[in-house]
């Protein structure tokens, strides 16, 4: 049984607005791909997140292009258009169903999210279905306490700390993989104010933002 488990494809899925993608995002994606021995780590830009207004978010193709540029040098990191292609089905549980459709129900899916998203997870559409269908990897800053009291008891028993991976499915891993305290909002503000962002985003992404004049006004 254990031997067969090793042959299951291990797929990471990291959803977000990625407006723009930055070194914090790529750092988390790389750390998760390595520590969880993933075959593929999918970066999944949202078409327009259910909780944000469309006008406040850059066009999907710009966010896709920046994510592609940011991940060119790591073969495990791939950008998926799965949510951009389905703007009428924006919820995570729908994305997870589609991922199993693509990779097969035997795949081992790891869904990556930040601590702030995890704090809200019980308000998500079909949240229990999400937690019952994938393993969740919560990326937090080193030294911060991830709140778990909002989870129903049946899910609290599935919590593991980083490095405690076991072969059960549908676990919740708390990790400290956030190395860079960077926010996309801060980057957009820097661009608007004409400040340098080269410490916060991959160089190709900085070049793209400049070339296409992104974030120059509100």
Protein backbone atom coordinates (compact mmCIF):
# COMPACT_ATOMS: atom_id res chain seq x y z
CA UNK A 1 0.00 0.00 0.00
CA UNK A 2 2.70 2.45 1.00
CA UNK A 3 4.60 1.68 -2.18
CA UNK A 4 1.58 2.48 -4.32
CA UNK A 5 1.15 5.77 -2.44
CA UNK A 6 4.58 6.89 -3.62
CA UNK A 7 3.43 6.68 -7.23
CA UNK A 8 0.51 9.08 -6.73
CA UNK A 9 1.05 12.42 -8.41
CA UNK A 10 1.60 15.18 -5.90
CA UNK A 11 0.12 18.44 -7.12
CA UNK A 12 0.23 21.78 -5.35
CA UNK A 13 -2.32 24.52 -6.07
CA UNK A 14 -1.70 28.09 -4.96
CA UNK A 15 -4.54 30.46 -5.79
CA UNK A 16 -4.58 34.21 -5.45
CA UNK A 17 -5.03 37.51 -7.18
CA UNK A 18 -1.27 37.85 -7.84
CA UNK A 19 -1.59 41.55 -8.67
CA UNK A 20 1.36 41.53 -9.02
CA UNK A 21 3.04 38.25 -8.19
CA UNK A 22 6.05 38.93 -5.94
CA UNK A 23 9.05 37.29 -4.29
CA UNK A 24 6.93 36.33 -1.28
CA UNK A 25 4.65 34.27 -3.51
CA UNK A 26 7.46 32.60 -5.45
CA UNK A 27 9.35 31.87 -2.21
CA UNK A 28 6.32 30.09 -0.73
CA UNK A 29 5.69 28.16 -3.96
CA UNK A 30 9.30 26.97 -4.12
CA UNK A 31 9.44 26.02 -0.44
CA UNK A 32 6.20 24.02 -0.66
CA UNK A 33 7.28 22.28 -3.90
CA UNK A 34 10.54 21.23 -2.26
CA UNK A 35 9.37 20.30 1.24
CA UNK A 36 6.30 18.39 0.04
CA UNK A 37 8.16 16.78 -2.90
CA UNK A 38 5.58 17.98 -5.42
CA UNK A 39 5.56 16.89 -9.03
CA UNK A 40 3.95 20.19 -10.00
CA UNK A 41 3.17 23.40 -8.17
CA UNK A 42 0.34 25.29 -9.89
CA UNK A 43 0.07 29.05 -9.51
CA UNK A 44 -3.61 29.84 -10.12
CA UNK A 45 -4.47 33.50 -10.72
CA UNK A 46 -8.14 34.20 -9.99
CA UNK A 47 -10.23 35.63 -12.80
CA UNK A 48 -11.61 38.13 -10.35
CA UNK A 49 -11.78 37.03 -6.71
CA UNK A 50 -15.36 36.76 -5.40
CA UNK A 51 -14.55 39.25 -2.61
CA UNK A 52 -12.98 41.99 -4.78
CA UNK A 53 -14.50 44.36 -7.29
CA UNK A 54 -13.41 43.77 -10.87
CA UNK A 55 -12.30 47.35 -11.47
CA UNK A 56 -9.78 47.17 -8.62
CA UNK A 57 -7.92 44.20 -10.12
CA UNK A 58 -5.56 44.17 -13.12
CA UNK A 59 -6.73 42.35 -16.23
CA UNK A 60 -6.33 38.57 -15.96
CA UNK A 61 -3.90 38.36 -18.89
CA UNK A 62 -1.49 40.83 -17.22
CA UNK A 63 -1.55 38.85 -13.98
CA UNK A 64 -1.08 35.61 -15.91
CA UNK A 65 1.86 37.03 -17.87
CA UNK A 66 3.60 38.28 -14.71
CA UNK A 67 3.14 34.91 -13.01
CA UNK A 68 4.62 33.14 -16.05
CA UNK A 69 7.63 35.48 -16.08
CA UNK A 70 8.16 35.02 -12.34
CA UNK A 71 8.26 31.20 -12.59
CA UNK A 72 10.20 30.64 -15.83
CA UNK A 73 13.32 29.41 -14.05
CA UNK A 74 11.68 26.68 -11.94
CA UNK A 75 10.36 23.70 -13.87
CA UNK A 76 8.04 22.58 -11.05
CA UNK A 77 6.20 25.91 -10.93
CA UNK A 78 3.53 26.22 -13.60
CA UNK A 79 0.87 28.86 -14.08
CA UNK A 80 -2.63 27.48 -14.55
CA UNK A 81 -5.45 29.32 -16.35
CA UNK A 82 -8.07 27.06 -14.77
CA UNK A 83 -9.82 29.90 -12.90
CA UNK A 84 -9.39 32.50 -15.62
CA UNK A 85 -11.16 30.22 -18.07
CA UNK A 86 -14.14 29.78 -15.76
CA UNK A 87 -15.10 33.25 -14.50
CA UNK A 88 -18.61 32.01 -13.74
CA UNK A 89 -17.28 29.38 -11.31
CA UNK A 90 -14.98 31.33 -9.01
CA UNK A 91 -15.14 29.24 -5.85
CA UNK A 92 -12.30 27.13 -4.54
CA UNK A 93 -14.42 23.98 -4.23
CA UNK A 94 -15.19 24.25 -7.96
CA UNK A 95 -11.52 24.69 -8.83
CA UNK A 96 -10.64 21.63 -6.74
CA UNK A 97 -13.25 19.55 -8.59
CA UNK A 98 -11.78 20.64 -11.91
CA UNK A 99 -8.23 19.84 -10.76
CA UNK A 100 -9.28 16.29 -9.86
CA UNK A 101 -10.90 16.12 -13.30
CA UNK A 102 -7.56 17.01 -14.89
CA UNK A 103 -5.15 15.06 -12.68
CA UNK A 104 -7.42 12.16 -11.70
CA UNK A 105 -8.98 11.36 -8.36
CA UNK A 106 -5.88 9.40 -7.36
CA UNK A 107 -3.76 12.56 -7.33
CA UNK A 108 -2.70 13.98 -3.99
CA UNK A 109 -3.72 17.63 -3.99
CA UNK A 110 -2.13 20.22 -1.68
CA UNK A 111 -3.90 23.58 -1.57
CA UNK A 112 -1.64 26.45 -0.47
CA UNK A 113 -2.95 29.58 1.22
CA UNK A 114 -1.76 32.40 3.41
CA UNK A 115 -2.62 32.67 7.10
CA UNK A 116 -5.13 35.47 6.37
CA UNK A 117 -7.09 33.30 3.91
CA UNK A 118 -6.97 30.40 6.37
CA UNK A 119 -8.44 32.64 9.09
CA UNK A 120 -11.49 33.17 6.85
CA UNK A 121 -11.81 29.65 5.51
CA UNK A 122 -14.99 28.71 7.37
CA UNK A 123 -16.77 31.61 5.62
CA UNK A 124 -15.85 30.18 2.18
CA UNK A 125 -18.51 28.62 -0.02
CA UNK A 126 -18.59 24.87 0.76
CA UNK A 127 -15.71 25.24 3.21
CA UNK A 128 -16.13 21.79 4.77
CA UNK A 129 -16.11 20.27 1.31
CA UNK A 130 -12.81 22.03 0.59
CA UNK A 131 -11.22 20.80 3.83
CA UNK A 132 -12.48 17.27 3.15
CA UNK A 133 -11.12 17.02 -0.38
CA UNK A 134 -7.53 18.31 -0.27
CA UNK A 135 -4.65 18.77 2.12
CA UNK A 136 -4.24 22.43 3.03
CA UNK A 137 -0.83 24.05 3.48
CA UNK A 138 -0.99 27.28 5.47
CA UNK A 139 1.98 29.57 4.82
CA UNK A 140 2.69 31.88 7.74
CA UNK A 141 5.56 34.05 8.90
CA UNK A 142 8.11 32.41 11.19
CA UNK A 143 7.22 32.97 14.82
CA UNK A 144 3.57 33.82 14.22
CA UNK A 145 0.81 31.77 15.77
CA UNK A 146 -1.73 30.49 13.25
CA UNK A 147 -5.23 30.64 14.73
CA UNK A 148 -7.07 27.32 14.46
CA UNK A 149 -9.91 27.74 16.95
CA UNK A 150 -12.32 28.65 14.13
CA UNK A 151 -12.11 25.13 12.72
CA UNK A 152 -14.71 22.52 13.62
CA UNK A 153 -13.28 19.84 15.91
CA UNK A 154 -13.18 17.16 13.21
CA UNK A 155 -10.73 19.30 11.24
CA UNK A 156 -8.62 20.39 14.24
CA UNK A 157 -7.51 16.79 14.70
CA UNK A 158 -5.99 16.87 11.22
CA UNK A 159 -3.58 19.72 11.94
CA UNK A 160 0.14 19.00 11.52
CA UNK A 161 3.16 21.25 11.91
CA UNK A 162 5.57 21.76 9.02
CA UNK A 163 7.89 18.81 8.64
CA UNK A 164 5.44 16.34 10.18
CA UNK A 165 4.15 15.08 6.87
CA UNK A 166 2.34 11.77 6.99
CA UNK A 167 0.64 9.77 4.29
CA UNK A 168 -2.94 10.53 5.34
CA UNK A 169 -4.96 12.62 2.96
CA UNK A 170 -6.81 15.85 3.70
CA UNK A 171 -4.56 17.13 6.48
CA UNK A 172 -3.88 20.76 7.43
CA UNK A 173 -0.19 21.68 7.57
CA UNK A 174 0.90 24.83 9.38
CA UNK A 175 4.17 26.06 7.88
CA UNK A 176 6.48 29.02 8.38
CA UNK A 177 7.45 29.41 4.74
CA UNK A 178 6.87 33.16 4.45
CA UNK A 179 10.36 34.63 4.12
CA UNK A 180 9.50 38.00 2.63
CA UNK A 181 7.09 40.40 4.28
CA UNK A 182 5.81 41.82 1.00
CA UNK A 183 2.31 42.73 -0.07
CA UNK A 184 1.00 43.32 -3.57
CA UNK A 185 -0.75 46.43 -2.27
CA UNK A 186 2.56 47.88 -1.10
CA UNK A 187 4.12 47.18 -4.52
CA UNK A 188 1.27 48.94 -6.31
CA UNK A 189 1.72 51.94 -4.03
CA UNK A 190 5.47 52.06 -4.67
CA UNK A 191 4.89 52.04 -8.44
CA UNK A 192 2.34 54.85 -8.13
CA UNK A 193 4.83 56.89 -6.11
CA UNK A 194 7.69 56.18 -8.52
CA UNK A 195 9.67 54.12 -5.98
CA UNK A 196 11.89 51.15 -6.79
CA UNK A 197 10.28 47.68 -6.53
CA UNK A 198 13.27 45.58 -7.59
CA UNK A 199 13.69 44.12 -4.09
CA UNK A 200 10.09 42.92 -4.05
CA UNK A 201 9.43 41.29 -7.42
CA UNK A 202 11.47 39.19 -9.86
CA UNK A 203 13.32 41.43 -12.33
CA UNK A 204 11.24 40.25 -15.29
CA UNK A 205 8.08 41.23 -13.43
CA UNK A 206 9.46 44.70 -12.63
CA UNK A 207 10.30 45.13 -16.33
CA UNK A 208 6.81 44.01 -17.37
CA UNK A 209 5.10 46.43 -14.95
CA UNK A 210 7.20 49.28 -16.31
CA UNK A 211 6.76 48.31 -19.96
CA UNK A 212 2.96 48.09 -19.74
CA UNK A 213 2.54 50.99 -17.33
CA UNK A 214 0.70 48.96 -14.70
CA UNK A 215 -0.29 50.50 -11.34
CA UNK A 216 0.60 54.04 -12.35
CA UNK A 217 -2.72 55.29 -11.10
CA UNK A 218 -5.36 54.05 -8.68
